[in-house]
Amino acid sequence: ATQTTRLQEQSLEIEQEKFDVGLST
């Protein structure tokens, strides 16, 4: 679960960065 949380947080950060530059929704 700790590993899953860390990976999900990284995925959220990446998706947030993509959203900031208009590459995600």
PDB file of all heavy atoms in Angstrom:
ATOM      1  N   ALA A   1       0.830  -1.210   0.000  1.00  0.00           N
ATOM      2  CA  ALA A   1       0.000   0.000   0.000  1.00  0.00           C
ATOM      3  C   ALA A   1       0.858   1.251   0.000  1.00  0.00           C
ATOM      4  O   ALA A   1       0.533   2.254  -0.673  1.00  0.00           O
ATOM      5  CB  ALA A   1      -0.931  -0.008   1.219  1.00  0.00           C
ATOM      6  N   THR A   2       1.976   1.227   0.746  1.00  0.00           N
ATOM      7  CA  THR A   2       2.883   2.382   0.749  1.00  0.00           C
ATOM      8  C   THR A   2       3.474   2.611  -0.635  1.00  0.00           C
ATOM      9  O   THR A   2       3.582   3.757  -1.107  1.00  0.00           O
ATOM     10  CB  THR A   2       4.002   2.155   1.776  1.00  0.00           C
ATOM     11  OG1 THR A   2       3.429   1.942   3.068  1.00  0.00           O
ATOM     12  CG2 THR A   2       4.925   3.357   1.843  1.00  0.00           C
ATOM     13  N   GLN A   3       3.884   1.510  -1.271  1.00  0.00           N
ATOM     14  CA  GLN A   3       4.417   1.634  -2.625  1.00  0.00           C
ATOM     15  C   GLN A   3       3.362   2.169  -3.586  1.00  0.00           C
ATOM     16  O   GLN A   3       3.648   3.022  -4.440  1.00  0.00           O
ATOM     17  CB  GLN A   3       4.926   0.264  -3.092  1.00  0.00           C
ATOM     18  CG  GLN A   3       5.527   0.244  -4.476  1.00  0.00           C
ATOM     19  CD  GLN A   3       6.878   0.943  -4.538  1.00  0.00           C
ATOM     20  OE1 GLN A   3       7.399   1.391  -3.522  1.00  0.00           O
ATOM     21  NE2 GLN A   3       7.428   1.058  -5.742  1.00  0.00           N
ATOM     22  N   THR A   4       2.124   1.685  -3.444  1.00  0.00           N
ATOM     23  CA  THR A   4       1.036   2.156  -4.301  1.00  0.00           C
ATOM     24  C   THR A   4       0.792   3.646  -4.092  1.00  0.00           C
ATOM     25  O   THR A   4       0.597   4.406  -5.061  1.00  0.00           O
ATOM     26  CB  THR A   4      -0.246   1.362  -4.011  1.00  0.00           C
ATOM     27  OG1 THR A   4      -0.004  -0.024  -4.245  1.00  0.00           O
ATOM     28  CG2 THR A   4      -1.388   1.824  -4.894  1.00  0.00           C
ATOM     29  N   THR A   5       0.794   4.085  -2.835  1.00  0.00           N
ATOM     30  CA  THR A   5       0.583   5.508  -2.546  1.00  0.00           C
ATOM     31  C   THR A   5       1.682   6.358  -3.186  1.00  0.00           C
ATOM     32  O   THR A   5       1.402   7.413  -3.790  1.00  0.00           O
ATOM     33  CB  THR A   5       0.548   5.731  -1.023  1.00  0.00           C
ATOM     34  OG1 THR A   5      -0.510   4.957  -0.452  1.00  0.00           O
ATOM     35  CG2 THR A   5       0.329   7.203  -0.698  1.00  0.00           C
ATOM     36  N   ARG A   6       2.917   5.932  -3.043  1.00  0.00           N
ATOM     37  CA  ARG A   6       4.026   6.700  -3.613  1.00  0.00           C
ATOM     38  C   ARG A   6       3.907   6.798  -5.136  1.00  0.00           C
ATOM     39  O   ARG A   6       4.096   7.866  -5.722  1.00  0.00           O
ATOM     40  CB  ARG A   6       5.352   6.039  -3.234  1.00  0.00           C
ATOM     41  CG  ARG A   6       6.585   6.825  -3.669  1.00  0.00           C
ATOM     42  CD  ARG A   6       7.839   6.147  -3.161  1.00  0.00           C
ATOM     43  NE  ARG A   6       7.974   4.807  -3.712  1.00  0.00           N
ATOM     44  CZ  ARG A   6       8.483   4.539  -4.928  1.00  0.00           C
ATOM     45  NH1 ARG A   6       8.894   5.545  -5.702  1.00  0.00           N
ATOM     46  NH2 ARG A   6       8.592   3.302  -5.357  1.00  0.00           N
ATOM     47  N   LEU A   7       3.551   5.670  -5.769  1.00  0.00           N
ATOM     48  CA  LEU A   7       3.422   5.685  -7.224  1.00  0.00           C
ATOM     49  C   LEU A   7       2.227   6.533  -7.680  1.00  0.00           C
ATOM     50  O   LEU A   7       2.311   7.251  -8.693  1.00  0.00           O
ATOM     51  CB  LEU A   7       3.281   4.248  -7.742  1.00  0.00           C
ATOM     52  CG  LEU A   7       4.511   3.350  -7.541  1.00  0.00           C
ATOM     53  CD1 LEU A   7       4.207   1.926  -7.985  1.00  0.00           C
ATOM     54  CD2 LEU A   7       5.716   3.906  -8.297  1.00  0.00           C
ATOM     55  N   GLN A   8       1.120   6.454  -6.934  1.00  0.00           N
ATOM     56  CA  GLN A   8      -0.044   7.254  -7.293  1.00  0.00           C
ATOM     57  C   GLN A   8       0.236   8.746  -7.115  1.00  0.00           C
ATOM     58  O   GLN A   8      -0.222   9.581  -7.926  1.00  0.00           O
ATOM     59  CB  GLN A   8      -1.251   6.845  -6.448  1.00  0.00           C
ATOM     60  CG  GLN A   8      -1.785   5.444  -6.717  1.00  0.00           C
ATOM     61  CD  GLN A   8      -2.411   5.315  -8.094  1.00  0.00           C
ATOM     62  OE1 GLN A   8      -2.522   6.273  -8.870  1.00  0.00           O
ATOM     63  NE2 GLN A   8      -2.823   4.095  -8.432  1.00  0.00           N
ATOM     64  N   GLU A   9       0.996   9.100  -6.077  1.00  0.00           N
ATOM     65  CA  GLU A   9       1.360  10.503  -5.884  1.00  0.00           C
ATOM     66  C   GLU A   9       2.257  10.984  -7.024  1.00  0.00           C
ATOM     67  O   GLU A   9       2.107  12.121  -7.509  1.00  0.00           O
ATOM     68  CB  GLU A   9       2.053  10.675  -4.535  1.00  0.00           C
ATOM     69  CG  GLU A   9       1.110  10.539  -3.344  1.00  0.00           C
ATOM     70  CD  GLU A   9       1.834  10.577  -2.022  1.00  0.00           C
ATOM     71  OE1 GLU A   9       3.084  10.446  -2.019  1.00  0.00           O
ATOM     72  OE2 GLU A   9       1.179  10.729  -0.983  1.00  0.00           O
ATOM     73  N   GLN A  10       3.190  10.131  -7.454  1.00  0.00           N
ATOM     74  CA  GLN A  10       4.035  10.504  -8.589  1.00  0.00           C
ATOM     75  C   GLN A  10       3.206  10.655  -9.870  1.00  0.00           C
ATOM     76  O   GLN A  10       3.423  11.581 -10.666  1.00  0.00           O
ATOM     77  CB  GLN A  10       5.121   9.440  -8.780  1.00  0.00           C
ATOM     78  CG  GLN A  10       6.157   9.408  -7.671  1.00  0.00           C
ATOM     79  CD  GLN A  10       7.178   8.302  -7.872  1.00  0.00           C
ATOM     80  OE1 GLN A  10       7.098   7.524  -8.830  1.00  0.00           O
ATOM     81  NE2 GLN A  10       8.149   8.243  -6.971  1.00  0.00           N
ATOM     82  N   SER A  11       2.246   9.730 -10.041  1.00  0.00           N
ATOM     83  CA  SER A  11       1.388   9.820 -11.230  1.00  0.00           C
ATOM     84  C   SER A  11       0.571  11.100 -11.205  1.00  0.00           C
ATOM     85  O   SER A  11       0.366  11.759 -12.251  1.00  0.00           O
ATOM     86  CB  SER A  11       0.461   8.596 -11.297  1.00  0.00           C
ATOM     87  OG  SER A  11       1.209   7.402 -11.403  1.00  0.00           O
ATOM     88  N   LEU A  12       0.075  11.476 -10.007  1.00  0.00           N
ATOM     89  CA  LEU A  12      -0.695  12.717  -9.897  1.00  0.00           C
ATOM     90  C   LEU A  12       0.176  13.929 -10.217  1.00  0.00           C
ATOM     91  O   LEU A  12      -0.273  14.863 -10.909  1.00  0.00           O
ATOM     92  CB  LEU A  12      -1.287  12.839  -8.495  1.00  0.00           C
ATOM     93  CG  LEU A  12      -2.050  14.137  -8.209  1.00  0.00           C
ATOM     94  CD1 LEU A  12      -3.234  14.295  -9.167  1.00  0.00           C
ATOM     95  CD2 LEU A  12      -2.520  14.177  -6.754  1.00  0.00           C
ATOM     96  N   GLU A  13       1.413  13.936  -9.737  1.00  0.00           N
ATOM     97  CA  GLU A  13       2.307  15.052 -10.024  1.00  0.00           C
ATOM     98  C   GLU A  13       2.576  15.165 -11.526  1.00  0.00           C
ATOM     99  O   GLU A  13       2.566  16.277 -12.090  1.00  0.00           O
ATOM    100  CB  GLU A  13       3.619  14.854  -9.265  1.00  0.00           C
ATOM    101  CG  GLU A  13       3.490  14.996  -7.747  1.00  0.00           C
ATOM    102  CD  GLU A  13       4.804  14.718  -7.036  1.00  0.00           C
ATOM    103  OE1 GLU A  13       5.810  14.432  -7.745  1.00  0.00           O
ATOM    104  OE2 GLU A  13       4.832  14.787  -5.799  1.00  0.00           O
ATOM    105  N   ILE A  14       2.798  14.020 -12.160  1.00  0.00           N
ATOM    106  CA  ILE A  14       3.049  14.043 -13.610  1.00  0.00           C
ATOM    107  C   ILE A  14       1.827  14.535 -14.365  1.00  0.00           C
ATOM    108  O   ILE A  14       1.914  15.366 -15.288  1.00  0.00           O
ATOM    109  CB  ILE A  14       3.465  12.638 -14.092  1.00  0.00           C
ATOM    110  CG1 ILE A  14       4.806  12.231 -13.456  1.00  0.00           C
ATOM    111  CG2 ILE A  14       3.537  12.576 -15.609  1.00  0.00           C
ATOM    112  CD1 ILE A  14       5.207  10.799 -13.736  1.00  0.00           C
ATOM    113  N   GLU A  15       0.654  14.025 -13.938  1.00  0.00           N
ATOM    114  CA  GLU A  15      -0.573  14.430 -14.633  1.00  0.00           C
ATOM    115  C   GLU A  15      -0.861  15.899 -14.405  1.00  0.00           C
ATOM    116  O   GLU A  15      -1.353  16.601 -15.310  1.00  0.00           O
ATOM    117  CB  GLU A  15      -1.737  13.567 -14.136  1.00  0.00           C
ATOM    118  CG  GLU A  15      -2.931  13.535 -15.065  1.00  0.00           C
ATOM    119  CD  GLU A  15      -2.593  12.857 -16.400  1.00  0.00           C
ATOM    120  OE1 GLU A  15      -1.703  11.972 -16.394  1.00  0.00           O
ATOM    121  OE2 GLU A  15      -3.222  13.206 -17.412  1.00  0.00           O
ATOM    122  N   GLN A  16      -0.540  16.401 -13.195  1.00  0.00           N
ATOM    123  CA  GLN A  16      -0.744  17.813 -12.912  1.00  0.00           C
ATOM    124  C   GLN A  16       0.179  18.676 -13.783  1.00  0.00           C
ATOM    125  O   GLN A  16      -0.232  19.722 -14.301  1.00  0.00           O
ATOM    126  CB  GLN A  16      -0.473  18.088 -11.426  1.00  0.00           C
ATOM    127  CG  GLN A  16      -0.745  19.521 -11.003  1.00  0.00           C
ATOM    128  CD  GLN A  16      -2.218  19.891 -11.062  1.00  0.00           C
ATOM    129  OE1 GLN A  16      -3.047  19.138 -10.565  1.00  0.00           O
ATOM    130  NE2 GLN A  16      -2.530  21.012 -11.674  1.00  0.00           N
ATOM    131  N   GLU A  17       1.422  18.232 -13.943  1.00  0.00           N
ATOM    132  CA  GLU A  17       2.349  18.971 -14.796  1.00  0.00           C
ATOM    133  C   GLU A  17       1.879  18.977 -16.249  1.00  0.00           C
ATOM    134  O   GLU A  17       1.961  20.007 -16.937  1.00  0.00           O
ATOM    135  CB  GLU A  17       3.743  18.350 -14.685  1.00  0.00           C
ATOM    136  CG  GLU A  17       4.388  18.531 -13.312  1.00  0.00           C
ATOM    137  CD  GLU A  17       5.709  17.807 -13.200  1.00  0.00           C
ATOM    138  OE1 GLU A  17       6.089  17.106 -14.172  1.00  0.00           O
ATOM    139  OE2 GLU A  17       6.366  17.926 -12.133  1.00  0.00           O
ATOM    140  N   LYS A  18       1.383  17.824 -16.712  1.00  0.00           N
ATOM    141  CA  LYS A  18       0.865  17.754 -18.087  1.00  0.00           C
ATOM    142  C   LYS A  18      -0.351  18.669 -18.241  1.00  0.00           C
ATOM    143  O   LYS A  18      -0.538  19.321 -19.276  1.00  0.00           O
ATOM    144  CB  LYS A  18       0.490  16.315 -18.433  1.00  0.00           C
ATOM    145  CG  LYS A  18       1.696  15.391 -18.544  1.00  0.00           C
ATOM    146  CD  LYS A  18       1.286  13.934 -18.629  1.00  0.00           C
ATOM    147  CE  LYS A  18       0.421  13.667 -19.845  1.00  0.00           C
ATOM    148  NZ  LYS A  18       0.046  12.231 -19.951  1.00  0.00           N
ATOM    149  N   PHE A  19      -1.193  18.727 -17.180  1.00  0.00           N
ATOM    150  CA  PHE A  19      -2.378  19.583 -17.241  1.00  0.00           C
ATOM    151  C   PHE A  19      -1.994  21.057 -17.281  1.00  0.00           C
ATOM    152  O   PHE A  19      -2.637  21.868 -17.978  1.00  0.00           O
ATOM    153  CB  PHE A  19      -3.277  19.287 -16.042  1.00  0.00           C
ATOM    154  CG  PHE A  19      -4.486  20.163 -15.964  1.00  0.00           C
ATOM    155  CD1 PHE A  19      -5.572  19.976 -16.811  1.00  0.00           C
ATOM    156  CD2 PHE A  19      -4.543  21.205 -15.035  1.00  0.00           C
ATOM    157  CE1 PHE A  19      -6.679  20.801 -16.732  1.00  0.00           C
ATOM    158  CE2 PHE A  19      -5.649  22.024 -14.953  1.00  0.00           C
ATOM    159  CZ  PHE A  19      -6.733  21.814 -15.806  1.00  0.00           C
ATOM    160  N   ASP A  20      -0.930  21.387 -16.540  1.00  0.00           N
ATOM    161  CA  ASP A  20      -0.499  22.782 -16.507  1.00  0.00           C
ATOM    162  C   ASP A  20      -0.024  23.276 -17.870  1.00  0.00           C
ATOM    163  O   ASP A  20      -0.136  24.478 -18.181  1.00  0.00           O
ATOM    164  CB  ASP A  20       0.611  22.954 -15.462  1.00  0.00           C
ATOM    165  CG  ASP A  20       0.092  22.754 -14.048  1.00  0.00           C
ATOM    166  OD1 ASP A  20      -1.135  22.880 -13.844  1.00  0.00           O
ATOM    167  OD2 ASP A  20       0.903  22.438 -13.151  1.00  0.00           O
ATOM    168  N   VAL A  21       0.511  22.349 -18.693  1.00  0.00           N
ATOM    169  CA  VAL A  21       0.999  22.758 -20.019  1.00  0.00           C
ATOM    170  C   VAL A  21       0.012  22.407 -21.110  1.00  0.00           C
ATOM    171  O   VAL A  21       0.329  22.500 -22.301  1.00  0.00           O
ATOM    172  CB  VAL A  21       2.372  22.098 -20.312  1.00  0.00           C
ATOM    173  CG1 VAL A  21       3.417  22.576 -19.318  1.00  0.00           C
ATOM    174  CG2 VAL A  21       2.265  20.578 -20.278  1.00  0.00           C
ATOM    175  N   GLY A  22      -1.194  21.970 -20.700  1.00  0.00           N
ATOM    176  CA  GLY A  22      -2.240  21.707 -21.654  1.00  0.00           C
ATOM    177  C   GLY A  22      -2.186  20.367 -22.336  1.00  0.00           C
ATOM    178  O   GLY A  22      -2.841  20.163 -23.362  1.00  0.00           O
ATOM    179  N   LEU A  23      -1.424  19.395 -21.755  1.00  0.00           N
ATOM    180  CA  LEU A  23      -1.316  18.073 -22.366  1.00  0.00           C
ATOM    181  C   LEU A  23      -2.215  17.034 -21.680  1.00  0.00           C
ATOM    182  O   LEU A  23      -2.164  15.853 -22.029  1.00  0.00           O
ATOM    183  CB  LEU A  23       0.151  17.592 -22.319  1.00  0.00           C
ATOM    184  CG  LEU A  23       1.147  18.443 -23.113  1.00  0.00           C
ATOM    185  CD1 LEU A  23       2.548  17.897 -22.963  1.00  0.00           C
ATOM    186  CD2 LEU A  23       0.733  18.522 -24.590  1.00  0.00           C
ATOM    187  N   SER A  24      -2.999  17.469 -20.704  1.00  0.00           N
ATOM    188  CA  SER A  24      -3.915  16.552 -20.021  1.00  0.00           C
ATOM    189  C   SER A  24      -5.214  17.286 -19.760  1.00  0.00           C
ATOM    190  O   SER A  24      -5.342  18.487 -20.028  1.00  0.00           O
ATOM    191  CB  SER A  24      -3.307  16.048 -18.712  1.00  0.00           C
ATOM    192  OG  SER A  24      -4.193  15.151 -18.068  1.00  0.00           O
ATOM    193  N   THR A  25      -6.169  16.539 -19.212  1.00  0.00           N
ATOM    194  CA  THR A  25      -7.485  17.121 -18.960  1.00  0.00           C
ATOM    195  C   THR A  25      -7.756  17.207 -17.466  1.00  0.00           C
ATOM    196  O   THR A  25      -7.146  16.499 -16.654  1.00  0.00           O
ATOM    197  CB  THR A  25      -8.584  16.261 -19.613  1.00  0.00           C
ATOM    198  OG1 THR A  25      -8.588  14.963 -19.016  1.00  0.00           O
ATOM    199  CG2 THR A  25      -8.341  16.133 -21.115  1.00  0.00           C
TER     200      THR A  25
END
